[in-house]
PDB file of N, CA and C in Angstrom:
ATOM      1  N   MET A   1       1.651   0.099  16.401  1.00  0.00           N
ATOM      2  CA  MET A   1       1.160   0.882  15.214  1.00  0.00           C
ATOM      3  C   MET A   1       0.643  -0.204  14.075  1.00  0.00           C
ATOM      4  N   SER A   2      -0.399   0.158  13.588  1.00  0.00           N
ATOM      5  CA  SER A   2      -1.082  -0.820  12.594  1.00  0.00           C
ATOM      6  C   SER A   2      -0.877  -0.302  11.184  1.00  0.00           C
ATOM      7  N   LYS A   3      -0.736  -1.292  10.288  1.00  0.00           N
ATOM      8  CA  LYS A   3      -0.289  -0.939   8.815  1.00  0.00           C
ATOM      9  C   LYS A   3      -1.363  -1.705   8.021  1.00  0.00           C
ATOM     10  N   ILE A   4      -1.888  -0.840   7.071  1.00  0.00           N
ATOM     11  CA  ILE A   4      -2.770  -1.509   6.155  1.00  0.00           C
ATOM     12  C   ILE A   4      -2.290  -1.382   4.731  1.00  0.00           C
ATOM     13  N   PHE A   5      -2.774  -2.272   3.879  1.00  0.00           N
ATOM     14  CA  PHE A   5      -2.421  -2.427   2.366  1.00  0.00           C
ATOM     15  C   PHE A   5      -3.474  -1.796   1.640  1.00  0.00           C
ATOM     16  N   VAL A   6      -3.112  -0.930   0.647  1.00  0.00           N
ATOM     17  CA  VAL A   6      -4.075  -0.339  -0.168  1.00  0.00           C
ATOM     18  C   VAL A   6      -3.718  -0.747  -1.684  1.00  0.00           C
ATOM     19  N   GLY A   7      -4.524  -1.411  -2.289  1.00  0.00           N
ATOM     20  CA  GLY A   7      -4.189  -1.954  -3.679  1.00  0.00           C
ATOM     21  C   GLY A   7      -5.189  -1.238  -4.648  1.00  0.00           C
ATOM     22  N   ASN A   8      -4.799  -1.643  -5.942  1.00  0.00           N
ATOM     23  CA  ASN A   8      -5.576  -0.936  -7.141  1.00  0.00           C
ATOM     24  C   ASN A   8      -5.497   0.419  -7.266  1.00  0.00           C
ATOM     25  N   LEU A   9      -4.281   0.892  -6.969  1.00  0.00           N
ATOM     26  CA  LEU A   9      -4.059   2.526  -6.999  1.00  0.00           C
ATOM     27  C   LEU A   9      -3.738   2.844  -8.475  1.00  0.00           C
ATOM     28  N   ASN A  10      -4.256   3.979  -8.937  1.00  0.00           N
ATOM     29  CA  ASN A  10      -3.952   4.430 -10.188  1.00  0.00           C
ATOM     30  C   ASN A  10      -2.435   4.791 -10.066  1.00  0.00           C
ATOM     31  N   PHE A  11      -1.671   4.760 -11.232  1.00  0.00           N
ATOM     32  CA  PHE A  11      -0.307   4.885 -11.137  1.00  0.00           C
ATOM     33  C   PHE A  11       0.083   6.306 -10.929  1.00  0.00           C
ATOM     34  N   SER A  12      -0.812   7.237 -11.108  1.00  0.00           N
ATOM     35  CA  SER A  12      -0.466   8.613 -10.858  1.00  0.00           C
ATOM     36  C   SER A  12      -0.644   9.008  -9.287  1.00  0.00           C
ATOM     37  N   VAL A  13      -1.105   8.086  -8.522  1.00  0.00           N
ATOM     38  CA  VAL A  13      -1.412   8.372  -7.172  1.00  0.00           C
ATOM     39  C   VAL A  13       0.137   8.525  -6.350  1.00  0.00           C
ATOM     40  N   THR A  14       0.240   9.510  -5.627  1.00  0.00           N
ATOM     41  CA  THR A  14       1.450   9.832  -4.867  1.00  0.00           C
ATOM     42  C   THR A  14       1.131   9.560  -3.290  1.00  0.00           C
ATOM     43  N   GLU A  15       2.192   9.621  -2.565  1.00  0.00           N
ATOM     44  CA  GLU A  15       2.018   9.392  -1.036  1.00  0.00           C
ATOM     45  C   GLU A  15       1.087  10.611  -0.497  1.00  0.00           C
ATOM     46  N   SER A  16       1.443  11.819  -0.992  1.00  0.00           N
ATOM     47  CA  SER A  16       0.569  12.858  -0.464  1.00  0.00           C
ATOM     48  C   SER A  16      -0.857  12.718  -0.907  1.00  0.00           C
ATOM     49  N   VAL A  17      -1.234  12.364  -2.138  1.00  0.00           N
ATOM     50  CA  VAL A  17      -2.546  12.217  -2.603  1.00  0.00           C
ATOM     51  C   VAL A  17      -3.303  11.061  -1.814  1.00  0.00           C
ATOM     52  N   LEU A  18      -2.580   9.921  -1.509  1.00  0.00           N
ATOM     53  CA  LEU A  18      -3.147   8.907  -0.829  1.00  0.00           C
ATOM     54  C   LEU A  18      -3.439   9.310   0.695  1.00  0.00           C
ATOM     55  N   GLU A  19      -2.518   9.859   1.231  1.00  0.00           N
ATOM     56  CA  GLU A  19      -2.642  10.486   2.637  1.00  0.00           C
ATOM     57  C   GLU A  19      -3.772  11.476   2.834  1.00  0.00           C
ATOM     58  N   THR A  20      -3.788  12.504   1.940  1.00  0.00           N
ATOM     59  CA  THR A  20      -4.971  13.357   1.947  1.00  0.00           C
ATOM     60  C   THR A  20      -6.275  12.664   1.722  1.00  0.00           C
ATOM     61  N   PHE A  21      -6.341  11.701   0.893  1.00  0.00           N
ATOM     62  CA  PHE A  21      -7.560  10.941   0.658  1.00  0.00           C
ATOM     63  C   PHE A  21      -8.175  10.272   1.882  1.00  0.00           C
ATOM     64  N   ILE A  22      -7.085   9.532   2.626  1.00  0.00           N
ATOM     65  CA  ILE A  22      -7.480   8.824   3.746  1.00  0.00           C
ATOM     66  C   ILE A  22      -7.845   9.656   4.880  1.00  0.00           C
ATOM     67  N   ARG A  23      -7.288  10.925   4.972  1.00  0.00           N
ATOM     68  CA  ARG A  23      -7.402  11.773   6.145  1.00  0.00           C
ATOM     69  C   ARG A  23      -8.863  12.308   5.987  1.00  0.00           C
ATOM     70  N   GLU A  24      -9.354  12.521   4.742  1.00  0.00           N
ATOM     71  CA  GLU A  24     -10.682  13.034   4.489  1.00  0.00           C
ATOM     72  C   GLU A  24     -11.762  12.140   5.149  1.00  0.00           C
ATOM     73  N   PHE A  25     -11.528  10.916   5.544  1.00  0.00           N
ATOM     74  CA  PHE A  25     -12.468   9.979   6.129  1.00  0.00           C
ATOM     75  C   PHE A  25     -12.242  10.002   7.685  1.00  0.00           C
ATOM     76  N   GLY A  26     -11.380  10.968   8.249  1.00  0.00           N
ATOM     77  CA  GLY A  26     -11.209  11.001   9.547  1.00  0.00           C
ATOM     78  C   GLY A  26     -10.149   9.945  10.280  1.00  0.00           C
ATOM     79  N   ILE A  27      -9.290   9.351   9.264  1.00  0.00           N
ATOM     80  CA  ILE A  27      -8.361   8.384   9.700  1.00  0.00           C
ATOM     81  C   ILE A  27      -6.897   8.943   9.873  1.00  0.00           C
ATOM     82  N   GLU A  28      -6.437   8.834  11.005  1.00  0.00           N
ATOM     83  CA  GLU A  28      -5.155   9.522  11.331  1.00  0.00           C
ATOM     84  C   GLU A  28      -3.921   8.630  10.645  1.00  0.00           C
ATOM     85  N   VAL A  29      -3.054   9.241   9.896  1.00  0.00           N
ATOM     86  CA  VAL A  29      -2.013   8.596   9.238  1.00  0.00           C
ATOM     87  C   VAL A  29      -0.615   8.920   9.732  1.00  0.00           C
ATOM     88  N   GLN A  30       0.134   7.849  10.038  1.00  0.00           N
ATOM     89  CA  GLN A  30       1.468   7.980  10.596  1.00  0.00           C
ATOM     90  C   GLN A  30       2.468   8.309   9.350  1.00  0.00           C
ATOM     91  N   ASN A  31       2.374   7.286   8.366  1.00  0.00           N
ATOM     92  CA  ASN A  31       3.313   7.348   7.322  1.00  0.00           C
ATOM     93  C   ASN A  31       2.591   6.598   6.094  1.00  0.00           C
ATOM     94  N   VAL A  32       3.053   7.108   4.809  1.00  0.00           N
ATOM     95  CA  VAL A  32       2.371   6.426   3.742  1.00  0.00           C
ATOM     96  C   VAL A  32       3.684   6.021   2.692  1.00  0.00           C
ATOM     97  N   ASN A  33       3.634   4.736   2.303  1.00  0.00           N
ATOM     98  CA  ASN A  33       4.732   4.361   1.383  1.00  0.00           C
ATOM     99  C   ASN A  33       4.118   3.632   0.135  1.00  0.00           C
ATOM    100  N   ILE A  34       4.481   4.167  -1.072  1.00  0.00           N
ATOM    101  CA  ILE A  34       4.086   3.603  -2.437  1.00  0.00           C
ATOM    102  C   ILE A  34       5.383   3.053  -3.132  1.00  0.00           C
ATOM    103  N   PRO A  35       5.460   1.920  -3.088  1.00  0.00           N
ATOM    104  CA  PRO A  35       6.700   1.340  -3.884  1.00  0.00           C
ATOM    105  C   PRO A  35       6.740   1.602  -5.243  1.00  0.00           C
ATOM    106  N   ARG A  36       7.886   1.983  -5.757  1.00  0.00           N
ATOM    107  CA  ARG A  36       8.120   2.193  -7.127  1.00  0.00           C
ATOM    108  C   ARG A  36       8.954   1.144  -7.821  1.00  0.00           C
ATOM    109  N   ASP A  37       8.734   0.997  -9.150  1.00  0.00           N
ATOM    110  CA  ASP A  37       9.427  -0.088  -9.877  1.00  0.00           C
ATOM    111  C   ASP A  37      10.847   0.412 -10.000  1.00  0.00           C
ATOM    112  N   PHE A  38      11.860  -0.431  -9.780  1.00  0.00           N
ATOM    113  CA  PHE A  38      13.168  -0.207  -9.858  1.00  0.00           C
ATOM    114  C   PHE A  38      13.803   0.442 -11.164  1.00  0.00           C
ATOM    115  N   ASN A  39      13.237  -0.257 -12.311  1.00  0.00           N
ATOM    116  CA  ASN A  39      13.716   0.212 -13.550  1.00  0.00           C
ATOM    117  C   ASN A  39      12.942   1.424 -14.113  1.00  0.00           C
ATOM    118  N   THR A  40      11.721   1.564 -14.082  1.00  0.00           N
ATOM    119  CA  THR A  40      10.974   2.538 -14.591  1.00  0.00           C
ATOM    120  C   THR A  40      10.741   3.674 -13.613  1.00  0.00           C
ATOM    121  N   GLY A  41      10.800   3.538 -12.458  1.00  0.00           N
ATOM    122  CA  GLY A  41      10.461   4.687 -11.329  1.00  0.00           C
ATOM    123  C   GLY A  41       8.891   4.807 -11.288  1.00  0.00           C
ATOM    124  N   ARG A  42       8.200   4.031 -11.980  1.00  0.00           N
ATOM    125  CA  ARG A  42       6.640   4.199 -11.832  1.00  0.00           C
ATOM    126  C   ARG A  42       6.083   3.528 -10.605  1.00  0.00           C
ATOM    127  N   THR A  43       5.082   4.013 -10.097  1.00  0.00           N
ATOM    128  CA  THR A  43       4.467   3.286  -8.963  1.00  0.00           C
ATOM    129  C   THR A  43       4.046   1.909  -9.286  1.00  0.00           C
ATOM    130  N   ARG A  44       3.881   1.092  -8.426  1.00  0.00           N
ATOM    131  CA  ARG A  44       3.588  -0.300  -8.723  1.00  0.00           C
ATOM    132  C   ARG A  44       2.091  -0.617  -8.397  1.00  0.00           C
ATOM    133  N   GLY A  45       1.242   0.414  -8.117  1.00  0.00           N
ATOM    134  CA  GLY A  45      -0.138   0.256  -8.104  1.00  0.00           C
ATOM    135  C   GLY A  45      -0.745  -0.193  -6.831  1.00  0.00           C
ATOM    136  N   PHE A  46       0.178  -0.224  -5.706  1.00  0.00           N
ATOM    137  CA  PHE A  46      -0.317  -0.349  -4.349  1.00  0.00           C
ATOM    138  C   PHE A  46       0.640   0.487  -3.336  1.00  0.00           C
ATOM    139  N   GLY A  47       0.109   0.462  -2.136  1.00  0.00           N
ATOM    140  CA  GLY A  47       0.844   1.140  -1.153  1.00  0.00           C
ATOM    141  C   GLY A  47       0.595   0.682   0.297  1.00  0.00           C
ATOM    142  N   PHE A  48       1.337   1.156   1.219  1.00  0.00           N
ATOM    143  CA  PHE A  48       1.298   0.716   2.671  1.00  0.00           C
ATOM    144  C   PHE A  48       0.996   2.088   3.479  1.00  0.00           C
ATOM    145  N   VAL A  49       0.036   1.926   4.348  1.00  0.00           N
ATOM    146  CA  VAL A  49      -0.156   3.139   5.171  1.00  0.00           C
ATOM    147  C   VAL A  49      -0.110   2.730   6.635  1.00  0.00           C
ATOM    148  N   GLU A  50       0.797   3.455   7.426  1.00  0.00           N
ATOM    149  CA  GLU A  50       0.815   3.260   8.893  1.00  0.00           C
ATOM    150  C   GLU A  50      -0.052   4.081   9.533  1.00  0.00           C
ATOM    151  N   LEU A  51      -0.959   3.539  10.408  1.00  0.00           N
ATOM    152  CA  LEU A  51      -1.885   4.395  10.914  1.00  0.00           C
ATOM    153  C   LEU A  51      -1.498   4.845  12.346  1.00  0.00           C
ATOM    154  N   ALA A  52      -2.026   5.846  12.919  1.00  0.00           N
ATOM    155  CA  ALA A  52      -1.640   6.392  14.310  1.00  0.00           C
ATOM    156  C   ALA A  52      -1.975   5.266  15.256  1.00  0.00           C
ATOM    157  N   ASP A  53      -1.409   5.365  16.512  1.00  0.00           N
ATOM    158  CA  ASP A  53      -1.486   4.340  17.520  1.00  0.00           C
ATOM    159  C   ASP A  53      -2.838   4.137  17.804  1.00  0.00           C
ATOM    160  N   GLU A  54      -3.770   5.127  17.921  1.00  0.00           N
ATOM    161  CA  GLU A  54      -5.056   4.843  18.492  1.00  0.00           C
ATOM    162  C   GLU A  54      -6.090   4.486  17.324  1.00  0.00           C
ATOM    163  N   GLN A  55      -5.602   4.404  16.130  1.00  0.00           N
ATOM    164  CA  GLN A  55      -6.526   4.069  15.015  1.00  0.00           C
ATOM    165  C   GLN A  55      -6.647   2.517  14.931  1.00  0.00           C
ATOM    166  N   ASP A  56      -8.036   2.020  14.744  1.00  0.00           N
ATOM    167  CA  ASP A  56      -8.275   0.624  14.644  1.00  0.00           C
ATOM    168  C   ASP A  56      -8.124   0.285  13.176  1.00  0.00           C
ATOM    169  N   PRO A  57      -7.229  -0.676  12.736  1.00  0.00           N
ATOM    170  CA  PRO A  57      -7.121  -1.014  11.300  1.00  0.00           C
ATOM    171  C   PRO A  57      -8.428  -1.496  10.684  1.00  0.00           C
ATOM    172  N   ASP A  58      -9.125  -2.404  11.427  1.00  0.00           N
ATOM    173  CA  ASP A  58     -10.448  -2.887  11.043  1.00  0.00           C
ATOM    174  C   ASP A  58     -11.428  -1.794  10.641  1.00  0.00           C
ATOM    175  N   GLU A  59     -11.458  -0.782  11.545  1.00  0.00           N
ATOM    176  CA  GLU A  59     -12.381   0.326  11.296  1.00  0.00           C
ATOM    177  C   GLU A  59     -11.915   0.977   9.883  1.00  0.00           C
ATOM    178  N   ALA A  60     -10.602   1.309   9.750  1.00  0.00           N
ATOM    179  CA  ALA A  60     -10.007   2.001   8.556  1.00  0.00           C
ATOM    180  C   ALA A  60     -10.413   1.203   7.398  1.00  0.00           C
ATOM    181  N   ILE A  61     -10.183  -0.145   7.391  1.00  0.00           N
ATOM    182  CA  ILE A  61     -10.496  -1.021   6.270  1.00  0.00           C
ATOM    183  C   ILE A  61     -11.991  -0.944   5.766  1.00  0.00           C
ATOM    184  N   SER A  62     -12.952  -0.987   6.892  1.00  0.00           N
ATOM    185  CA  SER A  62     -14.192  -0.986   6.527  1.00  0.00           C
ATOM    186  C   SER A  62     -14.656   0.284   5.999  1.00  0.00           C
ATOM    187  N   VAL A  63     -13.977   1.393   6.134  1.00  0.00           N
ATOM    188  CA  VAL A  63     -14.477   2.614   5.801  1.00  0.00           C
ATOM    189  C   VAL A  63     -13.819   2.890   4.339  1.00  0.00           C
ATOM    190  N   LEU A  64     -12.498   2.489   4.176  1.00  0.00           N
ATOM    191  CA  LEU A  64     -11.859   2.669   2.784  1.00  0.00           C
ATOM    192  C   LEU A  64     -12.168   1.606   1.759  1.00  0.00           C
ATOM    193  N   ASN A  65     -12.242   0.477   2.070  1.00  0.00           N
ATOM    194  CA  ASN A  65     -12.409  -0.623   1.131  1.00  0.00           C
ATOM    195  C   ASN A  65     -13.442  -0.226   0.154  1.00  0.00           C
ATOM    196  N   GLY A  66     -13.154  -0.315  -1.165  1.00  0.00           N
ATOM    197  CA  GLY A  66     -14.223  -0.066  -2.058  1.00  0.00           C
ATOM    198  C   GLY A  66     -14.521   1.304  -2.619  1.00  0.00           C
ATOM    199  N   LYS A  67     -13.858   2.218  -1.815  1.00  0.00           N
ATOM    200  CA  LYS A  67     -13.909   3.648  -2.278  1.00  0.00           C
ATOM    201  C   LYS A  67     -13.255   3.917  -3.616  1.00  0.00           C
ATOM    202  N   ILE A  68     -13.471   4.915  -4.099  1.00  0.00           N
ATOM    203  CA  ILE A  68     -12.970   5.266  -5.452  1.00  0.00           C
ATOM    204  C   ILE A  68     -11.900   6.407  -5.410  1.00  0.00           C
ATOM    205  N   LEU A  69     -10.827   6.148  -5.834  1.00  0.00           N
ATOM    206  CA  LEU A  69      -9.691   7.209  -5.759  1.00  0.00           C
ATOM    207  C   LEU A  69      -9.136   7.347  -7.327  1.00  0.00           C
ATOM    208  N   GLU A  70      -9.209   8.490  -7.776  1.00  0.00           N
ATOM    209  CA  GLU A  70      -8.733   8.765  -9.159  1.00  0.00           C
ATOM    210  C   GLU A  70      -9.342   7.665 -10.042  1.00  0.00           C
ATOM    211  N   ASN A  71     -10.620   7.387 -10.190  1.00  0.00           N
ATOM    212  CA  ASN A  71     -11.305   6.605 -11.081  1.00  0.00           C
ATOM    213  C   ASN A  71     -10.963   5.097 -10.938  1.00  0.00           C
ATOM    214  N   ARG A  72     -10.443   4.612  -9.768  1.00  0.00           N
ATOM    215  CA  ARG A  72     -10.218   3.365  -9.494  1.00  0.00           C
ATOM    216  C   ARG A  72     -10.769   2.922  -8.097  1.00  0.00           C
ATOM    217  N   THR A  73     -11.362   1.806  -8.114  1.00  0.00           N
ATOM    218  CA  THR A  73     -11.886   1.180  -6.783  1.00  0.00           C
ATOM    219  C   THR A  73     -10.775   0.564  -6.149  1.00  0.00           C
ATOM    220  N   ILE A  74     -10.463   1.208  -4.908  1.00  0.00           N
ATOM    221  CA  ILE A  74      -9.332   0.628  -4.167  1.00  0.00           C
ATOM    222  C   ILE A  74      -9.632  -0.483  -3.313  1.00  0.00           C
ATOM    223  N   ARG A  75      -8.735  -1.435  -2.997  1.00  0.00           N
ATOM    224  CA  ARG A  75      -8.763  -2.602  -2.119  1.00  0.00           C
ATOM    225  C   ARG A  75      -8.024  -2.269  -0.792  1.00  0.00           C
ATOM    226  N   VAL A  76      -8.595  -2.548   0.156  1.00  0.00           N
ATOM    227  CA  VAL A  76      -7.870  -2.207   1.449  1.00  0.00           C
ATOM    228  C   VAL A  76      -7.927  -3.421   2.346  1.00  0.00           C
ATOM    229  N   ASP A  77      -6.935  -3.815   2.977  1.00  0.00           N
ATOM    230  CA  ASP A  77      -6.592  -4.887   3.848  1.00  0.00           C
ATOM    231  C   ASP A  77      -5.693  -4.769   4.860  1.00  0.00           C
ATOM    232  N   ARG A  78      -5.442  -5.614   5.809  1.00  0.00           N
ATOM    233  CA  ARG A  78      -4.419  -5.618   6.831  1.00  0.00           C
ATOM    234  C   ARG A  78      -3.099  -5.997   5.841  1.00  0.00           C
ATOM    235  N   ALA A  79      -1.986  -5.208   6.374  1.00  0.00           N
ATOM    236  CA  ALA A  79      -0.623  -5.512   5.767  1.00  0.00           C
ATOM    237  C   ALA A  79      -0.066  -6.566   6.473  1.00  0.00           C
ATOM    238  N   HIS A  80       0.563  -7.558   5.760  1.00  0.00           N
ATOM    239  CA  HIS A  80       1.220  -8.669   6.421  1.00  0.00           C
ATOM    240  C   HIS A  80       2.841  -8.506   6.309  1.00  0.00           C
ATOM    241  N   GLU A  81       3.473  -9.059   7.315  1.00  0.00           N
ATOM    242  CA  GLU A  81       4.839  -8.961   7.140  1.00  0.00           C
ATOM    243  C   GLU A  81       5.595  -9.599   5.987  1.00  0.00           C
ATOM    244  N   ARG A  82       6.583  -9.120   5.283  1.00  0.00           N
ATOM    245  CA  ARG A  82       7.001  -9.809   4.029  1.00  0.00           C
ATOM    246  C   ARG A  82       7.737 -11.061   4.590  1.00  0.00           C
ATOM    247  N   THR A  83       7.490 -12.113   3.911  1.00  0.00           N
ATOM    248  CA  THR A  83       8.279 -13.327   4.164  1.00  0.00           C
ATOM    249  C   THR A  83       9.586 -13.290   3.290  1.00  0.00           C
ATOM    250  N   SER A  84      10.566 -14.122   3.776  1.00  0.00           N
ATOM    251  CA  SER A  84      11.558 -14.208   3.082  1.00  0.00           C
ATOM    252  C   SER A  84      11.579 -15.219   1.984  1.00  0.00           C
ATOM    253  N   ARG A  85      12.227 -14.827   0.861  1.00  0.00           N
ATOM    254  CA  ARG A  85      12.146 -15.751  -0.462  1.00  0.00           C
ATOM    255  C   ARG A  85      13.534 -16.188  -0.677  1.00  0.00           C
ATOM    256  N   PRO A  86      13.634 -17.454  -1.393  1.00  0.00           N
ATOM    257  CA  PRO A  86      15.043 -17.880  -1.628  1.00  0.00           C
ATOM    258  C   PRO A  86      15.503 -16.922  -2.771  1.00  0.00           C
ATOM    259  N   PRO A  87      16.891 -16.931  -2.655  1.00  0.00           N
ATOM    260  CA  PRO A  87      17.492 -16.054  -3.651  1.00  0.00           C
ATOM    261  C   PRO A  87      17.225 -16.575  -5.154  1.00  0.00           C
ATOM    262  N   GLN A  88      17.073 -15.627  -6.000  1.00  0.00           N
ATOM    263  CA  GLN A  88      16.890 -15.938  -7.469  1.00  0.00           C
ATOM    264  C   GLN A  88      17.906 -15.300  -8.388  1.00  0.00           C
ATOM    265  N   GLY A  89      18.164 -16.050  -9.380  1.00  0.00           N
ATOM    266  CA  GLY A  89      19.119 -15.498 -10.364  1.00  0.00           C
ATOM    267  C   GLY A  89      18.281 -14.979 -11.580  1.00  0.00           C
ATOM    268  N   ARG A  90      18.891 -14.969 -12.647  1.00  0.00           N
ATOM    269  CA  ARG A  90      18.268 -14.378 -13.851  1.00  0.00           C
ATOM    270  C   ARG A  90      17.047 -15.260 -14.261  1.00  0.00           C
ATOM    271  N   ARG A  91      16.033 -14.584 -14.772  1.00  0.00           N
ATOM    272  CA  ARG A  91      14.848 -15.227 -15.194  1.00  0.00           C
ATOM    273  C   ARG A  91      14.225 -16.125 -14.112  1.00  0.00           C
ATOM    274  N   GLY A  92      14.298 -15.674 -12.836  1.00  0.00           N
ATOM    275  CA  GLY A  92      13.632 -16.491 -11.815  1.00  0.00           C
ATOM    276  C   GLY A  92      14.117 -17.863 -11.481  1.00  0.00           C
ATOM    277  N   GLN A  93      15.444 -18.196 -12.040  1.00  0.00           N
ATOM    278  CA  GLN A  93      15.964 -19.446 -11.743  1.00  0.00           C
ATOM    279  C   GLN A  93      16.739 -19.404 -10.492  1.00  0.00           C
ATOM    280  N   ARG A  94      16.577 -20.387  -9.782  1.00  0.00           N
ATOM    281  CA  ARG A  94      17.345 -20.514  -8.461  1.00  0.00           C
ATOM    282  C   ARG A  94      18.793 -20.620  -8.657  1.00  0.00           C
ATOM    283  N   ARG A  95      19.635 -19.921  -7.852  1.00  0.00           N
ATOM    284  CA  ARG A  95      21.080 -19.968  -8.036  1.00  0.00           C
ATOM    285  C   ARG A  95      21.553 -21.244  -7.445  1.00  0.00           C
ATOM    286  N   THR A  96      22.430 -21.836  -8.122  1.00  0.00           N
ATOM    287  CA  THR A  96      22.982 -23.241  -7.761  1.00  0.00           C
ATOM    288  C   THR A  96      24.492 -23.225  -7.226  1.00  0.00           C
ATOM    289  N   TRP A  97      25.024 -22.000  -7.360  1.00  0.00           N
ATOM    290  CA  TRP A  97      26.543 -21.779  -7.121  1.00  0.00           C
ATOM    291  C   TRP A  97      26.773 -21.308  -5.845  1.00  0.00           C
TER     292      TRP A  97
END
């Protein structure tokens, strides 16, 4: 299964809106995830889309990148696995204890 990153989303875009938008271009979607800010609950302006097994991510990227969704030009790229980061304390300081 391939995963793509969709950036520069309007904060009002929901998973269902993004999924419908992508399906309009003939791209089969398995799952859509738009992360939310922990404190405010507002979306963070980007999302991840898992494509169906037979979908080519490069084709989806070329079709979707630069399209306009809710008055914003979206950026689409391959999603990369998240790398681990060292633990951080308050204000971004490294914990020393």
